[in-house]
Amino acid sequence: MNIFFRFVSIALVFCCASFPAFAGNAVTGRVINATSRNPSAGDQVLLLRLEGGMQEESRAVSDAAGNFSLPMTEPGASHVVRVIHQRVNYDQTLTTAASPLEMQVFDRVPRVPGLSGSVGMAQIESDGATLKVTEMYDIANVSQPPLTQVGPRNFEFSIASGATLESFQARKAGGVWLNLNPASVPRSTNRYAVDFPIRPGDTLFRFRYSLPANAAVSFRLKPAYPVSNFAVMHPPSMTFKAERAGDFTSPGVTKGLRVEQVVSTSSLRRIPAFEISGIGAGAPPDVSSSSAAAGTAPASIPVPRSSSPAGRAVTAPENVGGFWPLLLALACLFATIVFASWRRKRQAGAGSETGNAA
């Protein structure tokens, strides 16, 4: 049940509307280093206006106490406050709260132990000539003290042999999607890496690739990080077959796609092999949930760079609204299965106690 409540809370954060807030003609606040629990001095703080892209309206530097003040020239527009700490962005949307903002930042490290995914999925469809695959993962960073993982191979993944990578997006929970260009891993085939920071909390990754649709295509997926739950989603008109009986169960259909859930009680480092065949198309994405922040950040806005090509390829957010309904629906299915299993065990235990009493 924890998975269900976790994703409901994330979805609520994502869906809530935001409105500009300010005191007078300036946005004031304080930057706190949540790793050391001290004020963060010397960080760049930007006020970004979300109109026709992300336009820089003003900037400041946090003082010795972490305080900042950002002049606002267009109070009627939607705004985001961005703090750049150790070359990593931390954004917060302005709301109606009149009190000064508290912006949290975290120290960066090359590796956070124990990163894992709570939910992963692969959506597959085919037009008969081309098989289209979308893999999606929610990676949780629960480090204590909280730290941000930053490195050229922060998220490393593979795609099927002979496949063509079409797109890659990433975002922090509650943020906007960014298009990235993954870098090819040296001396590897069809293996890529991106350096998108994995901040404390949830970070979501989504990538799409295509390959020729043969009579039956086999998959051996390997997540970038272990995942607790994984499912393959496909149109009911397509045929799914696990390589080994008992590795998957099919709890039903959601959003017009049949769900094939991995049957496992441990974190998955490799997804059980399966093959899929046939023709079928998934439901089109929900275009009504596109972000208000769509647009390319101007060159005047400093974006953290790295030596990896992935760090130089941040572009405009893309409308990928179809991700959240599928993710939430899958989380609900997982929660339902967990609850049903718990209920059966409880009823069985109650029956045993009644028999003993008799």
Protein backbone atom coordinates (compact mmCIF):
# COMPACT_ATOMS: atom_id res chain seq x y z
CA MET A 1 0.00 0.00 0.00
CA ASN A 2 2.97 2.34 0.58
CA ILE A 3 3.63 2.42 -3.19
CA PHE A 4 0.07 3.62 -3.85
CA PHE A 5 0.19 6.44 -1.29
CA ARG A 6 3.68 7.42 -2.42
CA PHE A 7 2.59 7.91 -6.04
CA VAL A 8 -0.69 9.56 -5.15
CA SER A 9 1.26 12.17 -3.18
CA ILE A 10 3.70 12.72 -6.05
CA ALA A 11 0.84 13.04 -8.53
CA LEU A 12 -0.89 15.63 -6.33
CA VAL A 13 2.29 17.68 -6.16
CA PHE A 14 2.59 17.47 -9.95
CA CYS A 15 -1.01 18.41 -10.66
CA CYS A 16 -1.47 21.28 -8.20
CA ALA A 17 -1.65 24.72 -9.82
CA SER A 18 0.86 27.38 -8.86
CA PHE A 19 0.41 31.11 -8.71
CA PRO A 20 2.96 33.93 -8.40
CA ALA A 21 3.72 35.24 -4.93
CA PHE A 22 5.84 38.17 -3.83
CA ALA A 23 6.21 40.82 -1.19
CA GLY A 24 6.10 44.29 -2.74
CA ASN A 25 8.22 44.26 -5.87
CA ALA A 26 10.75 41.68 -4.74
CA VAL A 27 10.97 37.99 -3.95
CA THR A 28 12.89 37.36 -0.76
CA GLY A 29 14.11 34.18 0.85
CA ARG A 30 16.93 32.17 2.30
CA VAL A 31 19.08 29.36 0.93
CA ILE A 32 19.67 26.47 3.33
CA ASN A 33 22.18 23.66 2.76
CA ALA A 34 20.06 20.69 3.86
CA THR A 35 23.13 18.45 3.93
CA SER A 36 25.00 20.50 6.54
CA ARG A 37 21.86 22.23 7.91
CA ASN A 38 23.60 25.60 7.60
CA PRO A 39 22.89 28.71 5.52
CA SER A 40 24.38 28.47 2.02
CA ALA A 41 26.36 31.58 1.08
CA GLY A 42 27.59 32.58 -2.36
CA ASP A 43 24.99 30.70 -4.42
CA GLN A 44 23.57 32.24 -7.59
CA VAL A 45 19.80 32.84 -7.23
CA LEU A 46 17.67 33.55 -10.32
CA LEU A 47 14.09 34.66 -10.81
CA LEU A 48 12.78 33.01 -13.99
CA ARG A 49 9.58 34.12 -15.72
CA LEU A 50 7.59 31.34 -17.41
CA GLU A 51 6.33 33.18 -20.47
CA GLY A 52 7.44 32.05 -23.92
CA GLY A 53 10.07 29.87 -22.27
CA MET A 54 12.12 30.50 -19.15
CA GLN A 55 13.22 34.15 -19.18
CA GLU A 56 15.61 35.51 -16.57
CA GLU A 57 13.99 38.46 -14.78
CA SER A 58 16.59 39.12 -12.08
CA ARG A 59 19.42 37.49 -10.16
CA ALA A 60 21.24 37.80 -6.87
CA VAL A 61 23.85 36.04 -4.72
CA SER A 62 22.98 34.60 -1.30
CA ASP A 63 24.76 36.44 1.51
CA ALA A 64 26.60 35.01 4.52
CA ALA A 65 23.26 34.19 6.18
CA GLY A 66 21.88 32.64 2.98
CA ASN A 67 19.47 35.54 2.40
CA PHE A 68 18.58 36.91 -1.03
CA SER A 69 16.26 39.46 -2.63
CA LEU A 70 15.15 39.32 -6.27
CA PRO A 71 13.47 42.34 -7.91
CA MET A 72 10.28 41.42 -9.76
CA THR A 73 9.27 43.47 -12.80
CA GLU A 74 6.20 41.47 -13.92
CA PRO A 75 4.25 40.33 -10.84
CA GLY A 76 1.34 39.04 -12.94
CA ALA A 77 3.39 36.29 -14.58
CA SER A 78 4.25 32.81 -13.31
CA HIS A 79 7.75 32.51 -11.88
CA VAL A 80 10.30 29.99 -10.71
CA VAL A 81 13.15 30.71 -8.32
CA ARG A 82 16.35 28.82 -9.16
CA VAL A 83 19.37 28.37 -6.91
CA ILE A 84 22.60 27.09 -8.44
CA HIS A 85 24.64 25.27 -5.79
CA GLN A 86 27.81 23.42 -6.73
CA ARG A 87 26.71 23.66 -10.40
CA VAL A 88 23.36 21.91 -9.75
CA ASN A 89 19.98 23.65 -10.23
CA TYR A 90 17.35 23.67 -7.47
CA ASP A 91 14.01 25.16 -8.58
CA GLN A 92 10.92 26.20 -6.68
CA THR A 93 7.70 27.56 -8.19
CA LEU A 94 6.35 30.69 -6.53
CA THR A 95 3.03 30.18 -4.76
CA THR A 96 0.55 32.41 -2.95
CA ALA A 97 2.48 32.15 0.33
CA ALA A 98 3.49 35.63 1.48
CA SER A 99 6.31 34.49 3.76
CA PRO A 100 9.95 34.47 2.50
CA LEU A 101 11.02 31.42 0.54
CA GLU A 102 13.25 28.72 2.01
CA MET A 103 15.28 27.20 -0.79
CA GLN A 104 16.96 23.89 0.03
CA VAL A 105 20.17 22.81 -1.67
CA PHE A 106 22.33 19.72 -1.15
CA ASP A 107 26.00 18.87 -1.40
CA ARG A 108 26.99 16.90 -4.49
CA VAL A 109 28.77 13.54 -4.48
CA PRO A 110 29.80 11.18 -7.30
CA ARG A 111 27.84 8.24 -5.87
CA VAL A 112 24.93 7.85 -3.44
CA PRO A 113 24.74 4.29 -2.05
CA GLY A 114 21.46 2.44 -2.26
CA LEU A 115 19.72 4.27 -5.10
CA SER A 116 16.77 2.22 -6.33
CA GLY A 117 13.57 2.46 -8.30
CA SER A 118 10.12 2.05 -6.78
CA VAL A 119 8.38 1.49 -10.14
CA GLY A 120 9.59 0.74 -13.66
CA MET A 121 7.70 -0.08 -16.82
CA ALA A 122 8.09 -0.72 -20.55
CA GLN A 123 5.30 0.27 -22.91
CA ILE A 124 5.45 -1.57 -26.26
CA GLU A 125 3.40 -1.10 -29.42
CA SER A 126 3.78 -1.98 -33.10
CA ASP A 127 2.44 -0.90 -36.48
CA GLY A 128 3.61 -4.14 -38.08
CA ALA A 129 6.82 -2.68 -39.47
CA THR A 130 8.31 -0.96 -36.42
CA LEU A 131 8.23 -1.89 -32.75
CA LYS A 132 8.18 1.17 -30.50
CA VAL A 133 9.33 0.85 -26.88
CA THR A 134 9.15 3.39 -24.06
CA GLU A 135 10.91 2.56 -20.79
CA MET A 136 10.14 4.63 -17.68
CA TYR A 137 11.64 4.57 -14.17
CA ASP A 138 11.15 6.42 -10.89
CA ILE A 139 14.48 6.50 -9.00
CA ALA A 140 14.36 7.35 -5.29
CA ASN A 141 17.23 9.07 -3.47
CA VAL A 142 16.67 8.66 0.28
CA SER A 143 20.24 9.45 1.36
CA GLN A 144 20.83 10.59 4.95
CA PRO A 145 22.14 13.22 5.23
CA PRO A 146 20.55 14.18 1.91
CA LEU A 147 23.01 14.37 -0.99
CA THR A 148 22.76 14.91 -4.75
CA GLN A 149 24.45 12.37 -7.01
CA VAL A 150 26.24 13.99 -9.95
CA GLY A 151 28.37 12.24 -12.54
CA PRO A 152 28.75 11.69 -16.30
CA ARG A 153 27.17 8.21 -15.98
CA ASN A 154 24.46 9.05 -13.46
CA PHE A 155 21.85 7.04 -15.35
CA GLU A 156 23.30 4.31 -17.58
CA PHE A 157 21.04 2.16 -19.71
CA SER A 158 20.96 -0.20 -22.70
CA ILE A 159 18.49 -0.64 -25.54
CA ALA A 160 17.77 -3.73 -27.60
CA SER A 161 20.28 -4.83 -30.22
CA GLY A 162 19.53 -3.19 -33.56
CA ALA A 163 17.34 -0.52 -31.94
CA THR A 164 17.50 3.24 -32.56
CA LEU A 165 17.28 5.63 -29.61
CA GLU A 166 14.71 8.34 -30.39
CA SER A 167 14.42 10.46 -27.24
CA PHE A 168 15.36 10.73 -23.58
CA GLN A 169 13.67 12.87 -20.93
CA ALA A 170 14.28 13.36 -17.22
CA ARG A 171 12.77 15.46 -14.46
CA LYS A 172 12.66 15.95 -10.74
CA ALA A 173 9.28 15.11 -9.20
CA GLY A 174 7.24 18.31 -9.38
CA GLY A 175 9.50 19.84 -12.04
CA VAL A 176 9.31 20.04 -15.82
CA TRP A 177 10.56 17.47 -18.30
CA LEU A 178 13.87 18.17 -20.02
CA ASN A 179 15.06 16.62 -23.25
CA LEU A 180 18.61 15.24 -23.00
CA ASN A 181 21.07 13.73 -25.44
CA PRO A 182 22.60 10.62 -23.83
CA ALA A 183 26.28 9.93 -24.53
CA SER A 184 27.34 6.57 -25.95
CA VAL A 185 29.29 4.48 -23.45
CA PRO A 186 32.77 3.75 -24.88
CA ARG A 187 33.45 0.18 -26.05
CA SER A 188 29.77 -0.70 -25.71
CA THR A 189 27.01 -1.24 -28.24
CA ASN A 190 23.60 0.39 -27.75
CA ARG A 191 24.57 1.51 -24.24
CA TYR A 192 24.15 5.14 -23.16
CA ALA A 193 24.61 7.38 -20.12
CA VAL A 194 23.30 10.78 -19.00
CA ASP A 195 24.54 13.10 -16.27
CA PHE A 196 21.17 14.43 -15.07
CA PRO A 197 21.55 15.06 -11.29
CA ILE A 198 19.72 12.65 -8.99
CA ARG A 199 18.62 14.94 -6.19
CA PRO A 200 17.05 13.80 -2.88
CA GLY A 201 13.51 12.56 -3.48
CA ASP A 202 12.18 11.12 -6.74
CA THR A 203 13.76 11.57 -10.16
CA LEU A 204 11.93 10.27 -13.23
CA PHE A 205 13.53 9.01 -16.43
CA ARG A 206 11.87 8.11 -19.72
CA PHE A 207 13.42 7.02 -23.00
CA ARG A 208 12.05 5.80 -26.32
CA TYR A 209 13.55 3.60 -28.98
CA SER A 210 12.39 1.64 -32.01
CA LEU A 211 13.44 -1.53 -33.80
CA PRO A 212 12.19 -3.64 -36.71
CA ALA A 213 9.06 -5.62 -35.87
CA ASN A 214 9.81 -9.26 -36.59
CA ALA A 215 7.41 -12.16 -36.04
CA ALA A 216 8.41 -12.17 -32.36
CA VAL A 217 10.92 -9.92 -30.61
CA SER A 218 12.72 -11.02 -27.45
CA PHE A 219 13.64 -8.60 -24.63
CA ARG A 220 16.15 -8.86 -21.79
CA LEU A 221 15.84 -5.54 -19.99
CA LYS A 222 18.28 -4.34 -17.33
CA PRO A 223 17.28 -1.27 -15.27
CA ALA A 224 19.92 1.34 -14.45
CA TYR A 225 19.11 0.78 -10.76
CA PRO A 226 17.27 -2.07 -9.00
CA VAL A 227 13.49 -1.65 -9.10
CA SER A 228 10.93 -2.98 -6.63
CA ASN A 229 8.12 -3.35 -9.17
CA PHE A 230 8.17 -3.67 -12.94
CA ALA A 231 5.51 -4.20 -15.58
CA VAL A 232 5.30 -4.50 -19.35
CA MET A 233 2.32 -2.68 -20.89
CA HIS A 234 1.06 -3.45 -24.41
CA PRO A 235 -2.12 -3.26 -26.48
CA PRO A 236 -4.36 -6.31 -25.88
CA SER A 237 -4.09 -7.18 -29.58
CA MET A 238 -0.40 -8.00 -29.14
CA THR A 239 0.80 -11.32 -27.76
CA PHE A 240 3.07 -11.42 -24.70
CA LYS A 241 4.98 -14.54 -23.69
CA ALA A 242 7.36 -14.94 -20.74
CA GLU A 243 10.45 -17.04 -21.42
CA ARG A 244 9.88 -18.83 -18.12
CA ALA A 245 6.41 -19.66 -16.83
CA GLY A 246 5.50 -17.93 -13.60
CA ASP A 247 7.76 -14.86 -14.06
CA PHE A 248 4.83 -12.57 -14.95
CA THR A 249 1.20 -12.21 -13.99
CA SER A 250 -1.45 -10.20 -15.84
CA PRO A 251 -3.64 -8.26 -13.37
CA GLY A 252 -5.74 -6.60 -16.06
CA VAL A 253 -6.01 -3.68 -18.51
CA THR A 254 -5.49 0.01 -17.71
CA LYS A 255 -5.59 3.00 -20.05
CA GLY A 256 -6.27 0.58 -22.91
CA LEU A 257 -3.06 -1.39 -22.26
CA ARG A 258 -2.67 -4.87 -20.82
CA VAL A 259 -0.36 -5.05 -17.81
CA GLU A 260 2.16 -7.88 -17.44
CA GLN A 261 3.60 -7.56 -13.93
CA VAL A 262 6.82 -9.21 -12.82
CA VAL A 263 6.17 -11.69 -10.00
CA SER A 264 9.01 -11.00 -7.56
CA THR A 265 9.35 -10.04 -3.91
CA SER A 266 12.90 -8.68 -4.20
CA SER A 267 14.51 -5.75 -6.00
CA LEU A 268 15.00 -6.51 -9.68
CA ARG A 269 18.43 -5.98 -11.22
CA ARG A 270 17.36 -7.77 -14.39
CA ILE A 271 13.86 -8.12 -15.81
CA PRO A 272 12.84 -11.71 -16.65
CA ALA A 273 13.13 -12.37 -20.38
CA PHE A 274 9.99 -12.18 -22.54
CA GLU A 275 8.96 -11.91 -26.16
CA ILE A 276 6.19 -9.96 -27.81
CA SER A 277 4.55 -10.13 -31.24
CA GLY A 278 1.57 -8.80 -33.14
CA ILE A 279 0.24 -5.34 -34.01
CA GLY A 280 -1.34 -2.77 -31.74
CA ALA A 281 -1.21 0.92 -30.80
CA GLY A 282 -1.39 2.46 -27.34
CA ALA A 283 -3.60 5.37 -26.31
CA PRO A 284 -2.34 8.81 -27.41
CA PRO A 285 -0.73 10.96 -24.66
CA ASP A 286 -2.86 13.38 -22.67
CA VAL A 287 -2.04 16.68 -24.36
CA SER A 288 -3.99 18.65 -21.75
CA SER A 289 -1.26 18.20 -19.13
CA SER A 290 1.58 19.96 -20.93
CA SER A 291 3.77 22.16 -18.76
CA ALA A 292 3.36 25.91 -18.69
CA ALA A 293 7.12 26.16 -18.66
CA ALA A 294 7.62 24.90 -22.20
CA GLY A 295 10.35 26.70 -24.08
CA THR A 296 14.11 26.83 -24.35
CA ALA A 297 16.10 28.49 -21.59
CA PRO A 298 17.97 31.52 -23.02
CA ALA A 299 21.72 31.43 -23.19
CA SER A 300 21.96 34.04 -20.42
CA ILE A 301 20.65 31.56 -17.87
CA PRO A 302 23.54 29.51 -16.49
CA VAL A 303 22.90 25.80 -16.71
CA PRO A 304 25.28 23.36 -14.99
CA ARG A 305 27.66 21.87 -17.54
CA SER A 306 29.83 18.80 -17.51
CA SER A 307 32.36 17.18 -19.76
CA SER A 308 29.72 14.71 -20.94
CA PRO A 309 27.66 15.56 -24.05
CA ALA A 310 24.59 14.86 -21.94
CA GLY A 311 25.32 17.95 -19.88
CA ARG A 312 25.27 20.16 -22.99
CA ALA A 313 22.04 18.91 -24.49
CA VAL A 314 19.38 20.33 -22.18
CA THR A 315 16.58 21.66 -24.37
CA ALA A 316 12.95 22.59 -24.07
CA PRO A 317 10.58 20.53 -21.93
CA GLU A 318 8.42 18.16 -23.97
CA ASN A 319 4.76 17.32 -23.56
CA VAL A 320 4.89 13.85 -22.06
CA GLY A 321 1.69 14.01 -20.07
CA GLY A 322 0.84 10.39 -20.85
CA PHE A 323 3.53 9.24 -18.42
CA TRP A 324 1.83 10.20 -15.18
CA PRO A 325 -1.57 8.56 -15.81
CA LEU A 326 0.16 5.29 -16.71
CA LEU A 327 2.51 5.49 -13.74
CA LEU A 328 -0.30 6.26 -11.29
CA ALA A 329 -2.52 3.56 -12.80
CA LEU A 330 0.28 1.03 -12.49
CA ALA A 331 0.94 2.07 -8.89
CA CYS A 332 -2.77 1.57 -8.14
CA LEU A 333 -2.63 -1.92 -9.67
CA PHE A 334 0.42 -2.80 -7.57
CA ALA A 335 -1.34 -1.51 -4.44
CA THR A 336 -4.47 -3.51 -5.26
CA ILE A 337 -2.47 -6.71 -5.72
CA VAL A 338 -0.60 -6.15 -2.44
CA PHE A 339 -3.87 -5.48 -0.60
CA ALA A 340 -5.56 -8.56 -2.08
CA SER A 341 -2.61 -10.75 -1.12
CA TRP A 342 -2.61 -9.37 2.43
CA ARG A 343 -6.37 -9.91 2.73
CA ARG A 344 -6.13 -13.53 1.58
CA LYS A 345 -3.37 -14.23 4.08
CA ARG A 346 -5.39 -12.60 6.85
CA GLN A 347 -8.51 -14.63 5.99
CA ALA A 348 -6.45 -17.81 5.85
CA GLY A 349 -4.98 -17.02 9.27
CA ALA A 350 -8.43 -16.33 10.70
CA GLY A 351 -9.70 -19.65 9.32
CA SER A 352 -6.79 -21.49 10.90
CA GLU A 353 -7.45 -19.90 14.29
CA THR A 354 -11.14 -20.85 14.05
CA GLY A 355 -10.23 -24.44 13.26
CA ASN A 356 -7.85 -24.61 16.22
CA ALA A 357 -10.49 -23.20 18.53
CA ALA A 358 -13.00 -25.80 17.33
